[in-house]
N, C-alpha and C. Protein backbone atom coordinates (compact mmCIF):
# COMPACT_ATOMS: atom_id res chain seq x y z
N MET A 1 169.04 66.94 61.43
CA MET A 1 168.01 66.96 62.47
C MET A 1 168.56 67.76 63.64
N THR A 2 167.71 68.60 64.19
CA THR A 2 168.07 69.40 65.35
C THR A 2 167.38 68.83 66.58
N PHE A 3 168.12 68.67 67.67
CA PHE A 3 167.55 68.22 68.93
C PHE A 3 167.70 69.35 69.93
N ARG A 4 166.65 69.59 70.70
CA ARG A 4 166.68 70.68 71.68
C ARG A 4 165.95 70.22 72.93
N TYR A 5 166.15 70.95 74.01
CA TYR A 5 165.49 70.56 75.26
C TYR A 5 165.01 71.77 76.04
N ASP A 6 164.05 71.47 76.91
CA ASP A 6 163.48 72.45 77.81
C ASP A 6 162.98 71.67 79.03
N PHE A 7 162.37 72.37 79.96
CA PHE A 7 161.84 71.73 81.16
C PHE A 7 160.36 72.06 81.30
N ALA A 8 159.63 71.11 81.86
CA ALA A 8 158.20 71.30 82.11
C ALA A 8 157.93 70.94 83.57
N PRO A 9 157.25 71.81 84.29
CA PRO A 9 156.99 71.53 85.71
C PRO A 9 155.92 70.45 85.89
N THR A 10 156.12 69.62 86.90
CA THR A 10 155.14 68.62 87.32
C THR A 10 155.12 68.63 88.85
N PRO A 11 154.12 68.01 89.46
CA PRO A 11 154.15 67.91 90.92
C PRO A 11 155.34 67.11 91.46
N PHE A 12 156.01 66.38 90.58
CA PHE A 12 157.16 65.57 90.98
C PHE A 12 158.48 66.30 90.75
N GLY A 13 158.41 67.51 90.26
CA GLY A 13 159.61 68.28 89.92
C GLY A 13 159.63 68.56 88.43
N ASP A 14 160.62 69.29 88.00
CA ASP A 14 160.72 69.62 86.58
C ASP A 14 161.10 68.39 85.78
N ALA A 15 160.43 68.22 84.65
CA ALA A 15 160.73 67.13 83.73
C ALA A 15 161.58 67.66 82.60
N LEU A 16 162.55 66.88 82.19
CA LEU A 16 163.36 67.20 81.03
C LEU A 16 162.58 66.76 79.80
N VAL A 17 162.43 67.67 78.84
CA VAL A 17 161.73 67.36 77.59
C VAL A 17 162.70 67.59 76.45
N VAL A 18 162.96 66.54 75.67
CA VAL A 18 163.86 66.63 74.52
C VAL A 18 163.00 66.52 73.27
N PHE A 19 163.24 67.45 72.35
CA PHE A 19 162.48 67.53 71.10
C PHE A 19 163.39 67.26 69.91
N SER A 20 162.82 66.68 68.87
CA SER A 20 163.45 66.63 67.56
C SER A 20 162.58 67.48 66.64
N ASP A 21 162.93 67.51 65.38
CA ASP A 21 162.07 68.22 64.42
C ASP A 21 160.74 67.50 64.25
N GLU A 22 160.68 66.23 64.65
CA GLU A 22 159.47 65.42 64.48
C GLU A 22 158.57 65.37 65.71
N GLY A 23 159.06 65.80 66.86
CA GLY A 23 158.23 65.77 68.06
C GLY A 23 159.04 65.52 69.32
N ILE A 24 158.36 65.15 70.37
CA ILE A 24 159.01 64.86 71.65
C ILE A 24 159.74 63.53 71.54
N VAL A 25 161.02 63.55 71.84
CA VAL A 25 161.85 62.35 71.81
C VAL A 25 161.89 61.71 73.20
N ARG A 26 161.89 62.57 74.22
CA ARG A 26 161.98 62.05 75.59
C ARG A 26 161.36 63.03 76.56
N PHE A 27 160.61 62.47 77.50
CA PHE A 27 160.03 63.22 78.61
C PHE A 27 160.46 62.47 79.85
N ASP A 28 161.30 63.07 80.64
CA ASP A 28 161.92 62.34 81.74
C ASP A 28 161.71 63.06 83.06
N LEU A 29 161.07 62.38 83.98
CA LEU A 29 160.92 62.91 85.34
C LEU A 29 162.19 62.59 86.10
N SER A 30 162.70 63.54 86.81
CA SER A 30 163.89 63.28 87.62
C SER A 30 163.74 63.96 88.97
N GLU A 31 164.41 63.40 89.94
CA GLU A 31 164.29 63.91 91.31
C GLU A 31 164.95 65.26 91.50
N SER A 32 166.10 65.43 90.93
CA SER A 32 166.84 66.66 91.11
C SER A 32 167.51 67.04 89.81
N ALA A 33 167.03 68.07 89.18
CA ALA A 33 167.58 68.49 87.89
C ALA A 33 169.09 68.72 87.98
N ASP A 34 169.54 69.26 89.09
CA ASP A 34 170.97 69.55 89.22
C ASP A 34 171.82 68.28 89.13
N LEU A 35 171.30 67.17 89.67
CA LEU A 35 172.08 65.94 89.71
C LEU A 35 171.90 65.06 88.48
N THR A 36 170.69 65.04 87.91
CA THR A 36 170.41 64.07 86.86
C THR A 36 170.42 64.64 85.46
N VAL A 37 170.16 65.91 85.27
CA VAL A 37 170.09 66.45 83.92
C VAL A 37 171.39 66.26 83.14
N PRO A 38 172.56 66.55 83.70
CA PRO A 38 173.78 66.31 82.90
C PRO A 38 173.91 64.85 82.47
N TRP A 39 173.62 63.92 83.37
CA TRP A 39 173.71 62.51 83.03
C TRP A 39 172.68 62.15 81.96
N LEU A 40 171.43 62.63 82.12
CA LEU A 40 170.39 62.35 81.13
C LEU A 40 170.76 62.91 79.77
N LEU A 41 171.25 64.14 79.75
CA LEU A 41 171.63 64.74 78.47
C LEU A 41 172.79 63.99 77.82
N GLU A 42 173.71 63.51 78.63
CA GLU A 42 174.82 62.72 78.10
C GLU A 42 174.30 61.41 77.50
N ASP A 43 173.39 60.74 78.20
CA ASP A 43 172.80 59.50 77.72
C ASP A 43 172.01 59.74 76.44
N ILE A 44 171.18 60.77 76.43
CA ILE A 44 170.37 61.08 75.25
C ILE A 44 171.26 61.47 74.08
N SER A 45 172.30 62.25 74.34
CA SER A 45 173.23 62.65 73.28
C SER A 45 173.89 61.43 72.64
N ALA A 46 174.27 60.47 73.46
CA ALA A 46 174.90 59.25 72.94
C ALA A 46 173.91 58.48 72.07
N ARG A 47 172.68 58.39 72.51
CA ARG A 47 171.68 57.64 71.76
C ARG A 47 171.26 58.35 70.48
N LEU A 48 171.22 59.68 70.52
CA LEU A 48 170.82 60.45 69.34
C LEU A 48 172.00 60.77 68.42
N ARG A 49 173.21 60.61 68.96
CA ARG A 49 174.45 60.98 68.26
C ARG A 49 174.49 62.47 67.94
N GLU A 50 173.88 63.22 68.81
CA GLU A 50 173.90 64.68 68.70
C GLU A 50 173.53 65.26 70.07
N VAL A 51 174.13 66.37 70.42
CA VAL A 51 173.88 66.99 71.71
C VAL A 51 172.68 67.94 71.57
N PRO A 52 171.62 67.70 72.34
CA PRO A 52 170.48 68.64 72.31
C PRO A 52 170.91 70.00 72.86
N VAL A 53 170.37 71.05 72.29
CA VAL A 53 170.69 72.41 72.73
C VAL A 53 169.52 72.96 73.54
N PRO A 54 169.79 73.84 74.50
CA PRO A 54 168.71 74.42 75.28
C PRO A 54 167.78 75.23 74.37
N ASP A 55 166.48 75.14 74.64
CA ASP A 55 165.49 75.89 73.87
C ASP A 55 164.39 76.34 74.83
N PRO A 56 164.68 77.38 75.63
CA PRO A 56 163.69 77.86 76.60
C PRO A 56 162.37 78.20 75.90
N GLY A 57 161.30 77.68 76.47
CA GLY A 57 159.97 77.93 75.92
C GLY A 57 159.47 76.82 75.01
N ALA A 58 160.35 75.90 74.61
CA ALA A 58 159.94 74.82 73.71
C ALA A 58 158.88 73.93 74.33
N ALA A 59 158.88 73.82 75.66
CA ALA A 59 157.94 72.93 76.34
C ALA A 59 156.69 73.66 76.84
N ASP A 60 156.49 74.90 76.42
CA ASP A 60 155.35 75.67 76.94
C ASP A 60 154.00 75.01 76.68
N GLU A 61 153.78 74.50 75.46
CA GLU A 61 152.50 73.85 75.15
C GLU A 61 152.32 72.61 76.01
N LEU A 62 153.37 71.81 76.13
CA LEU A 62 153.29 70.62 76.96
C LEU A 62 153.08 70.99 78.42
N ALA A 63 153.73 72.03 78.90
CA ALA A 63 153.56 72.47 80.29
C ALA A 63 152.11 72.84 80.55
N HIS A 64 151.48 73.51 79.59
CA HIS A 64 150.05 73.87 79.74
C HIS A 64 149.19 72.61 79.83
N LEU A 65 149.48 71.62 79.00
CA LEU A 65 148.74 70.36 79.04
C LEU A 65 148.95 69.63 80.36
N LEU A 66 150.16 69.69 80.87
CA LEU A 66 150.45 69.04 82.16
C LEU A 66 149.69 69.71 83.30
N VAL A 67 149.57 71.03 83.27
CA VAL A 67 148.78 71.73 84.29
C VAL A 67 147.35 71.23 84.25
N GLU A 68 146.77 71.13 83.06
CA GLU A 68 145.40 70.62 82.92
C GLU A 68 145.30 69.18 83.41
N TYR A 69 146.25 68.36 83.00
CA TYR A 69 146.24 66.96 83.41
C TYR A 69 146.28 66.83 84.93
N PHE A 70 147.20 67.53 85.57
CA PHE A 70 147.34 67.42 87.02
C PHE A 70 146.20 68.13 87.77
N ALA A 71 145.40 68.91 87.06
CA ALA A 71 144.19 69.49 87.66
C ALA A 71 143.01 68.53 87.53
N GLY A 72 143.24 67.39 86.87
CA GLY A 72 142.20 66.38 86.77
C GLY A 72 141.47 66.33 85.43
N THR A 73 141.94 67.06 84.44
CA THR A 73 141.32 67.02 83.12
C THR A 73 141.87 65.83 82.34
N PRO A 74 140.98 64.97 81.84
CA PRO A 74 141.47 63.85 81.02
C PRO A 74 142.16 64.36 79.76
N ILE A 75 143.42 64.07 79.64
CA ILE A 75 144.23 64.53 78.50
C ILE A 75 144.82 63.30 77.81
N ARG A 76 144.68 63.25 76.51
CA ARG A 76 145.44 62.31 75.68
C ARG A 76 146.53 63.13 75.03
N PHE A 77 147.71 63.03 75.57
CA PHE A 77 148.81 63.89 75.14
C PHE A 77 149.09 63.76 73.64
N ASP A 78 148.96 62.54 73.09
CA ASP A 78 149.30 62.36 71.68
C ASP A 78 148.30 63.04 70.74
N GLU A 79 147.19 63.51 71.26
CA GLU A 79 146.25 64.29 70.45
C GLU A 79 146.67 65.75 70.36
N HIS A 80 147.63 66.15 71.18
CA HIS A 80 148.06 67.55 71.26
C HIS A 80 149.52 67.77 70.89
N VAL A 81 150.34 66.78 71.14
CA VAL A 81 151.77 66.90 70.83
C VAL A 81 152.20 65.68 70.03
N ARG A 82 153.17 65.88 69.18
CA ARG A 82 153.71 64.77 68.39
C ARG A 82 154.79 64.05 69.18
N LEU A 83 154.82 62.74 69.02
CA LEU A 83 155.85 61.92 69.66
C LEU A 83 156.80 61.40 68.59
N ASP A 84 158.07 61.42 68.89
CA ASP A 84 159.10 60.87 68.01
C ASP A 84 159.59 59.59 68.71
N TRP A 85 159.24 58.44 68.14
CA TRP A 85 159.48 57.14 68.76
C TRP A 85 160.87 56.57 68.50
N ARG A 86 161.79 57.35 68.02
CA ARG A 86 163.09 56.84 67.58
C ARG A 86 163.90 56.13 68.67
N LEU A 87 163.65 56.41 69.94
CA LEU A 87 164.46 55.80 71.00
C LEU A 87 163.94 54.45 71.48
N ILE A 88 162.88 53.97 70.87
CA ILE A 88 162.33 52.67 71.30
C ILE A 88 161.85 51.92 70.07
N GLU A 89 162.11 50.62 70.03
CA GLU A 89 161.76 49.85 68.84
C GLU A 89 161.31 48.45 69.22
N GLY A 90 160.94 47.68 68.22
CA GLY A 90 160.55 46.29 68.42
C GLY A 90 159.32 46.14 69.29
N PHE A 91 159.31 45.04 70.06
CA PHE A 91 158.15 44.77 70.91
C PHE A 91 157.93 45.87 71.94
N HIS A 92 159.00 46.44 72.47
CA HIS A 92 158.83 47.51 73.47
C HIS A 92 158.02 48.67 72.88
N ARG A 93 158.30 49.00 71.65
CA ARG A 93 157.55 50.06 70.98
C ARG A 93 156.09 49.66 70.81
N SER A 94 155.84 48.43 70.37
CA SER A 94 154.47 47.94 70.21
C SER A 94 153.72 47.98 71.53
N ALA A 95 154.41 47.58 72.60
CA ALA A 95 153.78 47.59 73.93
C ALA A 95 153.43 49.02 74.33
N LEU A 96 154.35 49.96 74.15
CA LEU A 96 154.07 51.34 74.53
C LEU A 96 152.97 51.95 73.68
N GLN A 97 152.92 51.61 72.41
CA GLN A 97 151.85 52.13 71.56
C GLN A 97 150.51 51.54 71.98
N THR A 98 150.50 50.30 72.43
CA THR A 98 149.28 49.69 72.97
C THR A 98 148.88 50.39 74.26
N ILE A 99 149.83 50.62 75.13
CA ILE A 99 149.57 51.31 76.40
C ILE A 99 148.99 52.69 76.14
N ASN A 100 149.43 53.32 75.09
CA ASN A 100 148.97 54.67 74.77
C ASN A 100 147.47 54.71 74.46
N THR A 101 146.85 53.55 74.22
CA THR A 101 145.41 53.50 73.94
C THR A 101 144.57 53.30 75.20
N ILE A 102 145.22 53.05 76.34
CA ILE A 102 144.47 52.86 77.59
C ILE A 102 143.86 54.20 77.99
N GLU A 103 142.56 54.21 78.17
CA GLU A 103 141.85 55.46 78.45
C GLU A 103 142.06 55.93 79.89
N TRP A 104 141.87 57.21 80.09
CA TRP A 104 141.92 57.86 81.40
C TRP A 104 141.06 57.07 82.39
N GLY A 105 141.59 56.80 83.55
CA GLY A 105 140.84 56.12 84.60
C GLY A 105 140.76 54.61 84.44
N GLU A 106 141.28 54.07 83.35
CA GLU A 106 141.28 52.63 83.11
C GLU A 106 142.68 52.08 83.38
N THR A 107 142.73 50.80 83.65
CA THR A 107 144.03 50.13 83.78
C THR A 107 144.00 48.84 82.98
N MET A 108 145.15 48.30 82.75
CA MET A 108 145.31 47.03 82.06
C MET A 108 146.47 46.31 82.72
N SER A 109 146.41 45.00 82.77
CA SER A 109 147.54 44.26 83.34
C SER A 109 148.66 44.15 82.31
N TYR A 110 149.85 43.84 82.80
CA TYR A 110 151.00 43.64 81.92
C TYR A 110 150.69 42.54 80.91
N GLY A 111 150.04 41.49 81.36
CA GLY A 111 149.68 40.38 80.48
C GLY A 111 148.66 40.79 79.42
N GLU A 112 147.69 41.59 79.79
CA GLU A 112 146.70 42.06 78.82
C GLU A 112 147.36 42.92 77.75
N VAL A 113 148.29 43.77 78.15
CA VAL A 113 149.00 44.59 77.18
C VAL A 113 149.80 43.70 76.24
N ALA A 114 150.46 42.67 76.79
CA ALA A 114 151.25 41.75 75.96
C ALA A 114 150.38 41.11 74.89
N VAL A 115 149.19 40.67 75.27
CA VAL A 115 148.27 40.04 74.30
C VAL A 115 147.90 41.04 73.21
N LEU A 116 147.48 42.23 73.61
CA LEU A 116 147.06 43.24 72.63
C LEU A 116 148.21 43.71 71.75
N ALA A 117 149.44 43.67 72.28
CA ALA A 117 150.61 44.08 71.51
C ALA A 117 151.12 42.95 70.61
N GLY A 118 150.46 41.80 70.66
CA GLY A 118 150.79 40.71 69.75
C GLY A 118 151.75 39.67 70.27
N SER A 119 152.06 39.69 71.56
CA SER A 119 152.99 38.70 72.11
C SER A 119 152.47 38.16 73.44
N PRO A 120 151.45 37.29 73.39
CA PRO A 120 150.95 36.70 74.64
C PRO A 120 152.11 36.04 75.39
N GLY A 121 152.12 36.20 76.68
CA GLY A 121 153.19 35.62 77.48
C GLY A 121 154.38 36.55 77.67
N ALA A 122 154.32 37.74 77.09
CA ALA A 122 155.45 38.67 77.20
C ALA A 122 155.20 39.75 78.24
N ALA A 123 154.53 39.38 79.32
CA ALA A 123 154.20 40.37 80.36
C ALA A 123 155.46 41.02 80.94
N ARG A 124 156.51 40.25 81.14
CA ARG A 124 157.74 40.84 81.67
C ARG A 124 158.35 41.84 80.71
N ALA A 125 158.24 41.56 79.42
CA ALA A 125 158.75 42.51 78.41
C ALA A 125 157.93 43.79 78.42
N VAL A 126 156.65 43.68 78.72
CA VAL A 126 155.82 44.88 78.86
C VAL A 126 156.32 45.70 80.05
N GLY A 127 156.63 45.02 81.14
CA GLY A 127 157.18 45.71 82.30
C GLY A 127 158.49 46.42 81.96
N THR A 128 159.32 45.78 81.17
CA THR A 128 160.57 46.41 80.74
C THR A 128 160.29 47.63 79.88
N ALA A 129 159.33 47.51 78.98
CA ALA A 129 158.96 48.66 78.13
C ALA A 129 158.47 49.81 78.98
N CYS A 130 157.68 49.52 79.99
CA CYS A 130 157.19 50.57 80.89
C CYS A 130 158.35 51.24 81.62
N ARG A 131 159.28 50.43 82.08
CA ARG A 131 160.43 50.97 82.81
C ARG A 131 161.33 51.80 81.90
N MET A 132 161.43 51.41 80.64
CA MET A 132 162.32 52.08 79.70
C MET A 132 161.66 53.21 78.90
N THR A 133 160.39 53.44 79.13
CA THR A 133 159.68 54.41 78.29
C THR A 133 160.39 55.76 78.22
N PRO A 134 160.51 56.30 77.03
CA PRO A 134 161.05 57.66 76.92
C PRO A 134 159.96 58.72 77.11
N PHE A 135 158.74 58.27 77.39
CA PHE A 135 157.60 59.20 77.46
C PHE A 135 156.81 59.04 78.76
N SER A 136 157.47 59.12 79.89
CA SER A 136 156.79 59.00 81.17
C SER A 136 155.60 59.96 81.23
N ILE A 137 154.49 59.52 81.74
CA ILE A 137 153.22 60.24 81.86
C ILE A 137 152.56 60.45 80.48
N ILE A 138 153.30 60.93 79.49
CA ILE A 138 152.73 61.21 78.18
C ILE A 138 152.16 59.93 77.56
N VAL A 139 152.91 58.83 77.63
CA VAL A 139 152.40 57.50 77.34
C VAL A 139 152.12 56.91 78.72
N PRO A 140 150.85 56.63 79.02
CA PRO A 140 150.45 56.37 80.41
C PRO A 140 150.82 54.99 80.95
N VAL A 141 152.13 54.74 81.08
CA VAL A 141 152.58 53.45 81.61
C VAL A 141 152.11 53.23 83.04
N HIS A 142 151.73 54.31 83.72
CA HIS A 142 151.22 54.16 85.08
C HIS A 142 149.88 53.41 85.10
N ARG A 143 149.21 53.30 83.95
CA ARG A 143 147.92 52.61 83.87
C ARG A 143 148.08 51.10 83.71
N VAL A 144 149.32 50.63 83.66
CA VAL A 144 149.58 49.20 83.56
C VAL A 144 149.86 48.69 84.97
N VAL A 145 149.07 47.70 85.39
CA VAL A 145 149.14 47.20 86.76
C VAL A 145 149.39 45.69 86.75
N ARG A 146 149.66 45.17 87.92
CA ARG A 146 149.85 43.73 88.06
C ARG A 146 148.54 43.00 87.82
N ALA A 147 148.63 41.70 87.55
CA ALA A 147 147.46 40.87 87.27
C ALA A 147 146.46 40.88 88.43
N ASN A 148 146.96 41.05 89.66
CA ASN A 148 146.08 41.06 90.82
C ASN A 148 145.47 42.45 91.08
N GLY A 149 145.78 43.40 90.22
CA GLY A 149 145.22 44.75 90.35
C GLY A 149 146.06 45.71 91.16
N SER A 150 147.10 45.21 91.82
CA SER A 150 147.96 46.12 92.59
C SER A 150 148.82 46.93 91.62
N PRO A 151 149.19 48.15 92.03
CA PRO A 151 149.88 49.05 91.10
C PRO A 151 151.23 48.57 90.60
N GLY A 152 152.03 47.98 91.47
CA GLY A 152 153.39 47.64 91.06
C GLY A 152 154.29 48.86 91.13
N GLN A 153 155.39 48.80 90.44
CA GLN A 153 156.40 49.85 90.51
C GLN A 153 156.17 50.94 89.46
N TYR A 154 156.95 51.98 89.57
CA TYR A 154 156.96 53.07 88.59
C TYR A 154 158.37 53.61 88.63
N GLY A 155 159.26 52.90 87.98
CA GLY A 155 160.68 53.21 88.16
C GLY A 155 161.01 52.97 89.62
N ALA A 156 161.62 53.92 90.24
CA ALA A 156 161.94 53.82 91.66
C ALA A 156 160.91 54.57 92.51
N HIS A 157 159.77 54.91 91.90
CA HIS A 157 158.81 55.76 92.60
C HIS A 157 157.37 55.22 92.53
N PRO A 158 157.09 54.12 93.25
CA PRO A 158 155.73 53.60 93.22
C PRO A 158 154.71 54.60 93.77
N GLU A 159 155.15 55.53 94.61
CA GLU A 159 154.23 56.55 95.15
C GLU A 159 153.76 57.48 94.03
N GLN A 160 154.58 57.71 93.03
CA GLN A 160 154.16 58.53 91.90
C GLN A 160 153.09 57.80 91.08
N LYS A 161 153.26 56.50 90.90
CA LYS A 161 152.27 55.71 90.18
C LYS A 161 150.94 55.75 90.91
N ARG A 162 150.98 55.58 92.22
CA ARG A 162 149.75 55.62 93.01
C ARG A 162 149.09 57.01 92.87
N TYR A 163 149.89 58.05 92.91
CA TYR A 163 149.39 59.43 92.78
C TYR A 163 148.67 59.58 91.43
N LEU A 164 149.29 59.11 90.36
CA LEU A 164 148.70 59.25 89.03
C LEU A 164 147.42 58.42 88.90
N LEU A 165 147.43 57.20 89.42
CA LEU A 165 146.22 56.38 89.37
C LEU A 165 145.09 57.01 90.19
N ASP A 166 145.41 57.53 91.36
CA ASP A 166 144.39 58.20 92.18
C ASP A 166 143.87 59.45 91.49
N LEU A 167 144.74 60.20 90.84
CA LEU A 167 144.34 61.39 90.10
C LEU A 167 143.30 61.07 89.05
N GLU A 168 143.47 59.93 88.38
CA GLU A 168 142.60 59.56 87.27
C GLU A 168 141.32 58.84 87.70
N GLN A 169 141.17 58.58 88.97
CA GLN A 169 139.95 57.88 89.41
C GLN A 169 138.79 58.82 89.58
């Protein structure tokens, strides 16, 4: 298996995109590519047991989709790009696959996702799955909100979650 990476621009900065032969393995938003990319690549390499190689242009299709998405076009990324789920398993994977069905402009609470993913009462585990997602934005974890309707966190960037929710309204 060959793993490669490229970058895709977003309003939050360039995202690191790691590909396998089967699809996108990881889409990671980071604040500063200079500071976080080496660490992310080291972490991903350890998890994949192989070092991804640079592949300029590999993310071009995804970058085009992101431009459309951030222009306000409802995009279901999984209808256009393949996802390789190898970095997430068990209930977290079930939760993320459930989240992937939440439509543009809709939200669901952590508890509702837990029920639909087959584990009522596992709302905190849904939150962990959202935090650990290898597919930020592509799997719309930003559409998962607290039971009271407030947005909650988005990693360390709740303002990004608010931005994405406002974009989709």
